[in-house]
Amino acid sequence: MRLIALPLIFIAFPCLAACPPWPAERAEPEIQALSRQLAEWDEAYHAHGLSPVDDEIYDQARARLDGWQRCFASAAETSGSPLQSAAGPLNHPVPQTGLAKLADEQAVRSWMAHREGLWIQPKVDGVAITLTYRDGLLQQAVSRGNGQTGQDWTHKVRALPGVPQRLPTPDEVILQGELYWRMPGHVQSEAGGKGARSRVAGAMASLQLDEQASERIGLFVWDWPNGPATMIARLQGLAALGFADATQFTLPIERLAQARQWCEHWYRTPLPFATDGVVLRQGQRPDWQRWKAEAPYWAAAWKYPLRTGLASVSAVEFRIGRSGRITPLLQLEPLQLDDRRISRVSLGSLQRWQALDIRPGDQVAITLAGLTIPRLDAVVWRSQERPVIVPPSPSDYHALSCWQPEPGCEQQFLA
């Protein structure tokens, strides 16, 4: 398939934050609190199919915890695996390997430099599953779980029109792929994920899969562990079995420029599903009996630019305008969203700050309104230390106050 000439964007992740200037006695409760919060989110997602926070925020919170634990090894408790609540009663016939995430373009360049026979796929944003067919019939469907074991989803998957129940071969076929929420014409750069992964997870975790939800769930096969040895043969075989998406969206690449171009293309082009990046794969990989439930060396993910950033509040300021209006302003540890470096965000009104009760050290979700103006979306979690903040009194300021640069009046006077 021919590459399409497109304007390129800079795709990168925010740099890892510097270590907080905390003593050990402060670091320990902060690390423990974040560990508990992540465990609650993991339990909600894996046990109940719920996503209390956006996937991007979850990933950044997990990275934040890892960073804090590296900074304060003596104060850090060992956090459990994010998949510890996801284990199930069924063993995967072949472990689901997961993917390492390449942090930026330089990491992608380095990863590609030591490999050959490379292919690229969109990273479909859904719920991973393993399917086993024997004698042409679907025998078993196992959820991602912890990669080694998962939940038995066979009964529910048999009710999905988007998953073939029969294959035109008597051989045993083991497939790994993604159940996704059908979103025809979806443009990731404009609409974001729209909770696609959570919709699928919630549907599959429900006691009864309703007909409307089952019609919206499709399948993207991204690997055939016990299939042919080469990628070309596997893709041809998948097409013959009826999995045309795998052929359409798995393309050979040789250079970083091609990877960048397909990443940009899929980010801005209508697709039938939500995506959160691309997956780079070697065509050749070890025999499936040697796979482990860990990130492999033969595949990696390169994710899209963040649409929602996790920011740490460094200070809360109060600006007083010409009319005496008090506007709270959050000073943030700088973060990168798209091509914007953001270090502060307005809360709009004193009443909103009072309702949210944001203090230094709190972690907040920031998005770009209209792709340019930073906006506070939510308080993600709160610092364990709550410094006292005394805001200006609204009764002290009005349209006729502060005609002189007296103490407390400097801002309104200058305005």
Protein backbone atom coordinates (compact mmCIF):
# COMPACT_ATOMS: atom_id res chain seq x y z
CA MET A 1 0.00 0.00 0.00
CA ARG A 2 1.41 3.35 -1.02
CA LEU A 3 2.31 5.93 1.62
CA ILE A 4 0.32 9.15 1.52
CA ALA A 5 2.15 12.47 1.76
CA LEU A 6 1.01 14.19 4.93
CA PRO A 7 2.28 17.01 7.13
CA LEU A 8 4.21 15.55 10.02
CA ILE A 9 3.68 16.25 13.69
CA PHE A 10 6.06 15.88 16.58
CA ILE A 11 4.96 12.83 18.56
CA ALA A 12 6.34 12.62 22.05
CA PHE A 13 5.55 11.97 25.67
CA PRO A 14 6.03 14.39 28.52
CA CYS A 15 9.42 14.06 30.07
CA LEU A 16 9.58 12.18 33.33
CA ALA A 17 9.07 14.63 36.16
CA ALA A 18 11.93 15.46 38.48
CA CYS A 19 11.88 13.90 41.91
CA PRO A 20 9.64 15.83 44.34
CA PRO A 21 11.59 17.72 47.03
CA TRP A 22 10.12 15.59 49.82
CA PRO A 23 11.72 14.11 52.93
CA ALA A 24 11.19 10.36 53.33
CA GLU A 25 8.45 10.88 55.92
CA ARG A 26 6.46 12.84 53.33
CA ALA A 27 7.21 10.51 50.42
CA GLU A 28 5.99 7.35 52.15
CA PRO A 29 2.32 8.37 52.65
CA GLU A 30 2.17 9.96 49.19
CA ILE A 31 3.43 6.78 47.53
CA GLN A 32 1.10 4.61 49.59
CA ALA A 33 -1.89 6.80 48.75
CA LEU A 34 -1.20 6.65 45.02
CA SER A 35 -0.64 2.88 45.21
CA ARG A 36 -4.06 2.47 46.85
CA GLN A 37 -5.69 4.71 44.26
CA LEU A 38 -4.23 2.71 41.39
CA ALA A 39 -5.30 -0.54 43.03
CA GLU A 40 -8.87 0.78 43.27
CA TRP A 41 -8.85 1.75 39.58
CA ASP A 42 -7.42 -1.67 38.64
CA GLU A 43 -10.11 -3.47 40.63
CA ALA A 44 -12.87 -1.35 39.07
CA TYR A 45 -11.62 -2.02 35.55
CA HIS A 46 -10.65 -5.68 35.70
CA ALA A 47 -13.37 -6.92 38.05
CA HIS A 48 -16.30 -4.69 37.06
CA GLY A 49 -15.51 -3.31 33.60
CA LEU A 50 -15.50 0.29 34.86
CA SER A 51 -13.00 3.06 34.09
CA PRO A 52 -13.12 5.72 36.84
CA VAL A 53 -10.45 7.74 35.00
CA ASP A 54 -9.42 8.25 31.39
CA ASP A 55 -6.92 5.70 30.07
CA GLU A 56 -4.32 8.40 29.42
CA ILE A 57 -4.58 9.64 33.00
CA TYR A 58 -4.28 6.10 34.33
CA ASP A 59 -1.10 5.46 32.32
CA GLN A 60 0.46 8.71 33.52
CA ALA A 61 -0.50 7.98 37.14
CA ARG A 62 1.12 4.56 36.86
CA ALA A 63 4.27 6.18 35.45
CA ARG A 64 4.16 8.79 38.22
CA LEU A 65 4.13 6.05 40.86
CA ASP A 66 7.04 4.26 39.20
CA GLY A 67 8.99 7.52 39.17
CA TRP A 68 8.28 8.25 42.83
CA GLN A 69 9.35 4.75 43.82
CA ARG A 70 12.64 5.21 41.98
CA CYS A 71 13.14 8.57 43.70
CA PHE A 72 12.39 7.28 47.20
CA ALA A 73 13.49 3.66 47.27
CA SER A 74 13.75 3.67 51.07
CA ALA A 75 10.22 5.04 51.50
CA ALA A 76 8.52 3.12 48.68
CA GLU A 77 6.34 0.12 49.29
CA THR A 78 6.34 -2.54 46.61
CA SER A 79 3.29 -1.93 44.45
CA GLY A 80 1.41 -4.86 43.03
CA SER A 81 1.13 -5.57 39.37
CA PRO A 82 -1.62 -3.57 37.65
CA LEU A 83 -2.95 -6.94 36.46
CA GLN A 84 -3.00 -8.65 39.86
CA SER A 85 -6.78 -8.27 40.09
CA ALA A 86 -7.26 -9.43 36.50
CA ALA A 87 -6.30 -13.09 36.86
CA GLY A 88 -8.97 -15.61 36.04
CA PRO A 89 -9.70 -19.35 36.18
CA LEU A 90 -8.64 -20.17 32.59
CA ASN A 91 -5.09 -20.47 31.30
CA HIS A 92 -4.30 -18.85 27.98
CA PRO A 93 -3.22 -21.49 25.47
CA VAL A 94 -0.47 -19.00 24.57
CA PRO A 95 0.48 -16.21 27.03
CA GLN A 96 -0.53 -12.70 26.05
CA THR A 97 2.75 -10.83 25.95
CA GLY A 98 1.69 -7.18 26.35
CA LEU A 99 3.77 -4.37 24.86
CA ALA A 100 6.57 -2.11 25.98
CA LYS A 101 5.89 1.57 25.24
CA LEU A 102 8.47 3.55 23.28
CA ALA A 103 8.70 6.96 24.92
CA ASP A 104 9.52 9.14 21.91
CA GLU A 105 10.78 9.23 18.35
CA GLN A 106 14.37 8.64 19.41
CA ALA A 107 13.29 5.48 21.25
CA VAL A 108 11.48 4.31 18.11
CA ARG A 109 14.58 4.99 16.03
CA SER A 110 16.74 2.96 18.42
CA TRP A 111 14.25 0.09 18.52
CA MET A 112 14.03 -0.11 14.74
CA ALA A 113 17.78 0.16 14.23
CA HIS A 114 18.44 -3.32 15.64
CA ARG A 115 15.61 -5.13 13.85
CA GLU A 116 14.59 -6.02 10.33
CA GLY A 117 11.50 -7.32 8.58
CA LEU A 118 9.32 -4.78 10.40
CA TRP A 119 5.57 -4.18 10.17
CA ILE A 120 3.23 -1.56 11.61
CA GLN A 121 -0.38 -1.76 12.80
CA PRO A 122 -2.73 0.75 14.44
CA LYS A 123 -2.93 0.10 18.18
CA VAL A 124 -6.64 -0.59 18.45
CA ASP A 125 -8.07 0.72 21.72
CA GLY A 126 -10.16 -2.13 23.04
CA VAL A 127 -10.01 -5.23 25.23
CA ALA A 128 -7.56 -8.01 24.46
CA ILE A 129 -8.76 -11.59 24.03
CA THR A 130 -7.50 -15.05 23.03
CA LEU A 131 -9.67 -17.21 20.76
CA THR A 132 -9.20 -20.94 20.17
CA TYR A 133 -10.81 -22.76 17.23
CA ARG A 134 -10.77 -26.55 16.70
CA ASP A 135 -12.36 -28.48 13.86
CA GLY A 136 -13.50 -25.14 12.49
CA LEU A 137 -15.55 -24.17 15.59
CA LEU A 138 -14.91 -21.57 18.29
CA GLN A 139 -14.04 -23.58 21.39
CA GLN A 140 -12.84 -20.98 23.89
CA ALA A 141 -12.50 -17.23 24.44
CA VAL A 142 -10.30 -16.01 27.31
CA SER A 143 -10.00 -12.40 28.46
CA ARG A 144 -6.57 -10.73 28.67
CA GLY A 145 -6.46 -11.16 32.43
CA ASN A 146 -2.89 -11.05 33.67
CA GLY A 147 -1.52 -12.47 30.43
CA GLN A 148 -1.22 -15.96 31.88
CA THR A 149 -4.81 -16.52 32.99
CA GLY A 150 -8.11 -14.77 32.31
CA GLN A 151 -11.87 -14.95 32.50
CA ASP A 152 -13.97 -17.36 30.46
CA TRP A 153 -15.75 -15.17 27.91
CA THR A 154 -16.70 -18.03 25.58
CA HIS A 155 -20.45 -17.78 26.11
CA LYS A 156 -20.49 -14.01 25.57
CA VAL A 157 -18.19 -14.09 22.55
CA ARG A 158 -20.48 -16.62 20.91
CA ALA A 159 -23.16 -13.93 21.00
CA LEU A 160 -21.00 -11.40 19.11
CA PRO A 161 -21.84 -11.13 15.40
CA GLY A 162 -18.43 -9.53 14.81
CA VAL A 163 -16.55 -12.66 15.90
CA PRO A 164 -16.63 -15.65 13.50
CA GLN A 165 -18.03 -18.76 15.14
CA ARG A 166 -16.74 -21.04 12.38
CA LEU A 167 -13.52 -21.06 10.36
CA PRO A 168 -12.95 -22.84 7.05
CA THR A 169 -10.21 -25.12 8.43
CA PRO A 170 -10.11 -28.19 10.68
CA ASP A 171 -6.75 -27.16 12.17
CA GLU A 172 -6.38 -25.72 15.65
CA VAL A 173 -6.21 -21.95 15.30
CA ILE A 174 -5.19 -19.74 18.23
CA LEU A 175 -5.74 -16.04 17.69
CA GLN A 176 -4.92 -13.02 19.81
CA GLY A 177 -6.71 -9.77 19.15
CA GLU A 178 -8.75 -6.85 20.36
CA LEU A 179 -12.48 -6.60 20.91
CA TYR A 180 -13.29 -3.04 19.94
CA TRP A 181 -16.31 -0.73 19.91
CA ARG A 182 -17.40 -0.06 16.34
CA MET A 183 -17.01 3.65 15.57
CA PRO A 184 -17.31 4.15 11.78
CA GLY A 185 -15.51 7.26 10.53
CA HIS A 186 -13.81 7.87 13.88
CA VAL A 187 -10.94 10.40 13.74
CA GLN A 188 -8.73 9.96 16.79
CA SER A 189 -7.04 13.38 16.60
CA GLU A 190 -10.42 15.13 16.73
CA ALA A 191 -12.56 12.93 18.96
CA GLY A 192 -10.13 11.10 21.22
CA GLY A 193 -10.98 7.66 22.52
CA LYS A 194 -14.55 8.47 23.61
CA GLY A 195 -14.33 5.75 26.25
CA ALA A 196 -14.25 3.02 23.60
CA ARG A 197 -12.19 0.63 25.70
CA SER A 198 -14.43 1.11 28.73
CA ARG A 199 -17.56 0.43 26.68
CA VAL A 200 -16.24 -2.94 25.59
CA ALA A 201 -14.91 -3.79 29.06
CA GLY A 202 -18.24 -2.84 30.64
CA ALA A 203 -20.22 -4.88 28.12
CA MET A 204 -18.06 -7.98 28.61
CA ALA A 205 -18.16 -7.62 32.40
CA SER A 206 -21.96 -7.32 32.49
CA LEU A 207 -24.04 -10.27 33.64
CA GLN A 208 -26.08 -10.18 30.45
CA LEU A 209 -24.69 -8.91 27.16
CA ASP A 210 -27.53 -7.01 25.50
CA GLU A 211 -28.15 -7.27 21.77
CA GLN A 212 -27.41 -3.60 21.06
CA ALA A 213 -23.97 -3.79 22.69
CA SER A 214 -23.13 -7.09 20.99
CA GLU A 215 -23.80 -5.52 17.58
CA ARG A 216 -21.30 -2.73 18.34
CA ILE A 217 -18.37 -5.00 19.24
CA GLY A 218 -15.91 -5.99 16.51
CA LEU A 219 -12.68 -8.01 16.46
CA PHE A 220 -9.24 -6.99 15.25
CA VAL A 221 -6.77 -9.90 15.14
CA TRP A 222 -3.24 -8.75 15.75
CA ASP A 223 -1.46 -12.10 16.03
CA TRP A 224 -1.77 -15.79 15.19
CA PRO A 225 0.68 -17.47 17.57
CA ASN A 226 0.45 -20.98 16.11
CA GLY A 227 0.15 -19.71 12.54
CA PRO A 228 2.75 -19.60 9.73
CA ALA A 229 6.29 -18.52 10.50
CA THR A 230 6.38 -15.38 8.33
CA MET A 231 4.18 -12.30 8.58
CA ILE A 232 3.23 -12.45 4.90
CA ALA A 233 2.03 -16.04 5.23
CA ARG A 234 0.15 -15.24 8.42
CA LEU A 235 -1.63 -12.29 6.82
CA GLN A 236 -2.56 -14.35 3.79
CA GLY A 237 -3.85 -17.08 6.05
CA LEU A 238 -5.87 -14.66 8.18
CA ALA A 239 -7.44 -13.17 5.07
CA ALA A 240 -8.42 -16.67 3.92
CA LEU A 241 -9.99 -17.29 7.34
CA GLY A 242 -12.07 -14.11 7.04
CA PHE A 243 -10.01 -11.66 9.11
CA ALA A 244 -9.50 -9.01 6.44
CA ASP A 245 -8.77 -6.17 8.91
CA ALA A 246 -5.45 -7.78 9.82
CA THR A 247 -4.33 -7.59 6.19
CA GLN A 248 -5.65 -4.08 5.60
CA PHE A 249 -4.03 -2.59 8.70
CA THR A 250 -0.71 -4.48 8.90
CA LEU A 251 1.87 -2.88 6.61
CA PRO A 252 5.60 -3.37 5.99
CA ILE A 253 8.02 -0.59 6.92
CA GLU A 254 11.76 -0.11 6.67
CA ARG A 255 12.46 3.41 7.91
CA LEU A 256 11.50 5.67 10.79
CA ALA A 257 9.93 8.11 8.33
CA GLN A 258 7.46 5.43 7.25
CA ALA A 259 6.55 4.61 10.85
CA ARG A 260 6.06 8.29 11.58
CA GLN A 261 3.94 8.77 8.49
CA TRP A 262 1.60 5.85 9.19
CA CYS A 263 1.31 6.95 12.81
CA GLU A 264 0.27 10.41 11.67
CA HIS A 265 -2.03 9.01 8.97
CA TRP A 266 -3.97 6.75 11.35
CA TYR A 267 -4.12 9.52 13.96
CA ARG A 268 -5.87 11.91 11.58
CA THR A 269 -7.74 9.60 9.19
CA PRO A 270 -11.23 8.11 9.72
CA LEU A 271 -11.03 4.54 11.02
CA PRO A 272 -13.71 2.07 12.17
CA PHE A 273 -12.32 1.99 15.72
CA ALA A 274 -10.53 4.10 18.32
CA THR A 275 -6.75 3.86 18.44
CA ASP A 276 -4.16 5.14 20.89
CA GLY A 277 -0.99 4.71 18.87
CA VAL A 278 0.72 2.19 16.62
CA VAL A 279 2.34 -1.19 17.16
CA LEU A 280 5.69 -2.05 15.59
CA ARG A 281 6.34 -5.76 15.01
CA GLN A 282 9.07 -7.98 13.68
CA GLY A 283 7.74 -10.39 11.09
CA GLN A 284 9.80 -13.19 12.65
CA ARG A 285 9.28 -14.03 16.31
CA PRO A 286 10.06 -17.04 18.55
CA ASP A 287 7.99 -20.18 18.49
CA TRP A 288 4.81 -19.65 20.49
CA GLN A 289 5.79 -22.26 23.13
CA ARG A 290 8.47 -19.81 24.31
CA TRP A 291 6.18 -16.80 24.78
CA LYS A 292 5.81 -15.30 28.25
CA ALA A 293 3.30 -12.94 29.84
CA GLU A 294 5.67 -9.99 29.58
CA ALA A 295 6.67 -7.38 27.02
CA PRO A 296 8.51 -9.14 24.15
CA TYR A 297 11.53 -7.95 22.23
CA TRP A 298 9.82 -8.40 18.86
CA ALA A 299 6.98 -5.87 19.31
CA ALA A 300 6.51 -2.46 20.92
CA ALA A 301 3.96 0.37 21.08
CA TRP A 302 4.41 3.99 20.02
CA LYS A 303 1.51 5.99 21.40
CA TYR A 304 -0.09 9.17 20.10
CA PRO A 305 0.47 12.61 21.70
CA LEU A 306 -1.41 13.07 24.94
CA ARG A 307 -4.80 14.75 24.75
CA THR A 308 -5.15 14.87 28.54
CA GLY A 309 -2.17 15.52 30.79
CA LEU A 310 -1.59 14.75 34.45
CA ALA A 311 -0.12 17.79 36.18
CA SER A 312 1.10 18.43 39.68
CA VAL A 313 -0.04 21.69 41.28
CA SER A 314 2.94 23.63 42.58
CA ALA A 315 1.08 26.72 43.86
CA VAL A 316 -2.33 28.40 43.97
CA GLU A 317 -2.45 32.12 43.20
CA PHE A 318 -5.31 34.60 43.20
CA ARG A 319 -5.47 37.33 40.58
CA ILE A 320 -7.61 40.43 41.23
CA GLY A 321 -8.92 42.15 38.14
CA ARG A 322 -10.04 45.70 37.38
CA SER A 323 -13.61 45.05 38.57
CA GLY A 324 -12.44 43.36 41.77
CA ARG A 325 -13.16 39.87 40.47
CA ILE A 326 -10.94 37.23 42.10
CA THR A 327 -9.63 34.55 39.74
CA PRO A 328 -7.70 31.54 41.13
CA LEU A 329 -4.73 30.44 39.04
CA LEU A 330 -3.00 27.07 39.42
CA GLN A 331 0.74 27.03 38.87
CA LEU A 332 1.70 23.63 37.47
CA GLU A 333 4.84 21.62 37.03
CA PRO A 334 5.21 22.11 33.26
CA LEU A 335 3.73 19.47 30.98
CA GLN A 336 3.57 19.06 27.22
CA LEU A 337 0.21 18.68 25.44
CA ASP A 338 0.40 18.51 21.66
CA ASP A 339 2.75 21.41 20.82
CA ARG A 340 1.93 23.44 23.94
CA ARG A 341 4.03 23.60 27.11
CA ILE A 342 1.62 24.34 29.94
CA SER A 343 2.64 25.72 33.32
CA ARG A 344 -0.58 27.30 34.62
CA VAL A 345 -4.35 27.11 34.26
CA SER A 346 -7.16 29.39 35.39
CA LEU A 347 -10.06 28.07 37.47
CA GLY A 348 -12.32 30.91 36.39
CA SER A 349 -13.90 31.75 39.74
CA LEU A 350 -13.21 31.71 43.44
CA GLN A 351 -16.32 29.58 43.93
CA ARG A 352 -14.92 26.84 41.73
CA TRP A 353 -11.65 26.75 43.64
CA GLN A 354 -13.54 26.54 46.91
CA ALA A 355 -15.66 23.67 45.60
CA LEU A 356 -12.65 21.73 44.28
CA ASP A 357 -10.41 22.60 47.25
CA ILE A 358 -7.20 22.32 45.23
CA ARG A 359 -3.94 22.60 47.17
CA PRO A 360 -0.26 22.39 46.18
CA GLY A 361 0.72 18.78 45.55
CA ASP A 362 -2.68 17.78 44.15
CA GLN A 363 -2.66 16.02 40.79
CA VAL A 364 -5.07 17.39 38.18
CA ALA A 365 -6.16 16.47 34.64
CA ILE A 366 -5.51 19.17 32.02
CA THR A 367 -6.85 19.31 28.45
CA LEU A 368 -6.65 21.88 25.67
CA ALA A 369 -9.96 23.60 24.92
CA GLY A 370 -10.13 24.35 21.22
CA LEU A 371 -6.63 22.82 21.00
CA THR A 372 -5.07 26.00 22.42
CA ILE A 373 -6.42 27.01 25.86
CA PRO A 374 -5.49 24.83 28.85
CA ARG A 375 -8.50 23.74 30.89
CA LEU A 376 -8.81 21.92 34.20
CA ASP A 377 -10.89 18.76 33.75
CA ALA A 378 -10.75 17.20 37.21
CA VAL A 379 -8.80 16.63 40.40
CA VAL A 380 -7.38 13.14 39.89
CA TRP A 381 -6.11 12.59 43.43
CA ARG A 382 -5.16 14.75 46.37
CA SER A 383 -1.90 15.24 48.16
CA GLN A 384 -1.78 13.76 51.65
CA GLU A 385 -0.34 17.03 52.94
CA ARG A 386 -2.94 19.85 52.84
CA PRO A 387 -1.25 23.25 53.24
CA VAL A 388 -3.44 26.07 54.50
CA ILE A 389 -4.45 28.59 51.83
CA VAL A 390 -6.18 31.85 52.73
CA PRO A 391 -7.78 33.42 49.64
CA PRO A 392 -8.60 37.12 49.34
CA SER A 393 -12.00 38.06 50.72
CA PRO A 394 -14.54 39.01 48.00
CA SER A 395 -15.96 41.63 50.36
CA ASP A 396 -12.69 43.58 50.14
CA TYR A 397 -12.84 44.05 46.38
CA HIS A 398 -15.35 45.65 44.02
CA ALA A 399 -15.37 48.02 41.04
CA LEU A 400 -14.55 51.06 43.20
CA SER A 401 -11.88 49.52 45.45
CA CYS A 402 -8.13 49.93 45.11
CA TRP A 403 -7.63 53.38 43.56
CA GLN A 404 -4.23 53.47 45.26
CA PRO A 405 -1.38 50.88 45.19
CA GLU A 406 -1.84 50.10 48.88
CA PRO A 407 -0.93 46.70 50.38
CA GLY A 408 -3.32 44.12 48.98
CA CYS A 409 -4.38 46.46 46.19
CA GLU A 410 -1.43 46.26 43.84
CA GLN A 411 -3.03 43.85 41.35
CA GLN A 412 -6.36 45.63 40.99
CA PHE A 413 -4.66 49.03 40.84
CA LEU A 414 -2.39 47.91 38.01
CA ALA A 415 -5.37 46.28 36.22
